């Protein structure tokens, strides 16, 4: 049986695999960006149970990329974030 996935994102995301940092309150949490668009991203953490504040910075140092974000969904070790 074929399953249909309904895309709910306004902007399509592109698969990537980039090391990044979530920065807030003078702290940095290492993460991996799994997909990215002009509107948001999906990021993975090494361990479950990560707690994020309502607003933070996503930094991809290698690409000199930084965006203010807010979490919009969570699934185990992965968060979806929207750029503000």
Protein backbone atom coordinates (compact mmCIF):
# COMPACT_ATOMS: atom_id res chain seq x y z
CA UNK A 1 0.00 0.00 0.00
CA UNK A 2 1.38 3.41 -0.97
CA UNK A 3 1.54 6.13 1.66
CA UNK A 4 1.16 9.75 0.66
CA UNK A 5 3.06 12.40 2.57
CA UNK A 6 1.48 15.82 2.63
CA UNK A 7 4.04 18.61 2.51
CA UNK A 8 2.93 21.37 4.88
CA UNK A 9 5.94 23.64 4.59
CA UNK A 10 5.53 26.93 2.72
CA UNK A 11 9.13 26.68 1.45
CA UNK A 12 10.73 23.36 0.43
CA UNK A 13 13.76 22.30 2.46
CA UNK A 14 16.97 20.83 1.04
CA UNK A 15 18.80 17.93 2.66
CA UNK A 16 22.12 18.88 4.22
CA UNK A 17 24.47 17.46 6.82
CA UNK A 18 26.19 20.33 8.61
CA UNK A 19 27.60 20.71 12.08
CA UNK A 20 26.07 23.68 13.89
CA UNK A 21 25.56 25.32 17.26
CA UNK A 22 22.39 26.47 18.99
CA UNK A 23 23.39 29.56 21.01
CA UNK A 24 21.43 31.16 23.86
CA UNK A 25 22.15 32.63 27.31
CA UNK A 26 25.90 32.51 26.71
CA UNK A 27 25.72 28.73 26.05
CA UNK A 28 26.21 26.67 22.94
CA UNK A 29 24.69 23.28 22.16
CA UNK A 30 26.22 21.24 19.35
CA UNK A 31 23.74 19.96 16.77
CA UNK A 32 23.53 18.72 13.19
CA UNK A 33 21.43 20.50 10.58
CA UNK A 34 19.62 17.84 8.53
CA UNK A 35 17.61 20.05 6.19
CA UNK A 36 17.48 23.75 5.50
CA UNK A 37 15.40 26.35 3.66
CA UNK A 38 15.04 30.10 3.63
CA UNK A 39 12.29 29.75 6.27
CA UNK A 40 13.66 27.14 8.69
CA UNK A 41 15.59 23.95 9.38
CA UNK A 42 15.54 20.58 11.09
CA UNK A 43 18.30 20.00 13.62
CA UNK A 44 19.36 16.84 15.45
CA UNK A 45 20.98 16.56 18.86
CA UNK A 46 23.17 13.67 20.02
CA UNK A 47 20.92 12.97 23.01
CA UNK A 48 17.18 13.21 23.65
CA UNK A 49 15.74 15.54 26.25
CA UNK A 50 17.27 18.76 24.98
CA UNK A 51 15.26 21.78 26.07
CA UNK A 52 15.31 24.92 23.93
CA UNK A 53 14.22 28.45 24.85
CA UNK A 54 11.53 30.31 22.87
CA UNK A 55 14.22 32.12 20.83
CA UNK A 56 17.88 31.32 20.03
CA UNK A 57 20.55 31.59 17.33
CA UNK A 58 21.41 28.81 14.86
CA UNK A 59 25.07 29.13 13.85
CA UNK A 60 26.77 27.20 11.03
CA UNK A 61 30.31 28.50 11.43
CA UNK A 62 31.68 26.83 8.29
CA UNK A 63 29.16 28.74 6.13
CA UNK A 64 29.24 31.96 8.22
CA UNK A 65 25.49 31.40 8.67
CA UNK A 66 23.54 32.75 11.63
CA UNK A 67 19.77 33.10 12.05
CA UNK A 68 17.52 33.84 15.00
CA UNK A 69 15.10 30.91 15.40
CA UNK A 70 12.18 29.58 17.37
CA UNK A 71 11.28 25.90 17.82
CA UNK A 72 8.09 24.82 16.05
CA UNK A 73 8.07 21.03 16.54
CA UNK A 74 10.00 18.28 18.29
CA UNK A 75 10.42 14.55 17.74
CA UNK A 76 12.84 12.65 20.03
CA UNK A 77 16.27 14.15 19.18
CA UNK A 78 15.10 16.34 16.26
CA UNK A 79 13.65 19.85 16.33
CA UNK A 80 12.08 21.84 13.55
CA UNK A 81 12.94 25.51 13.79
CA UNK A 82 11.52 28.54 12.01
CA UNK A 83 13.67 31.56 11.23
CA UNK A 84 12.41 34.83 12.68
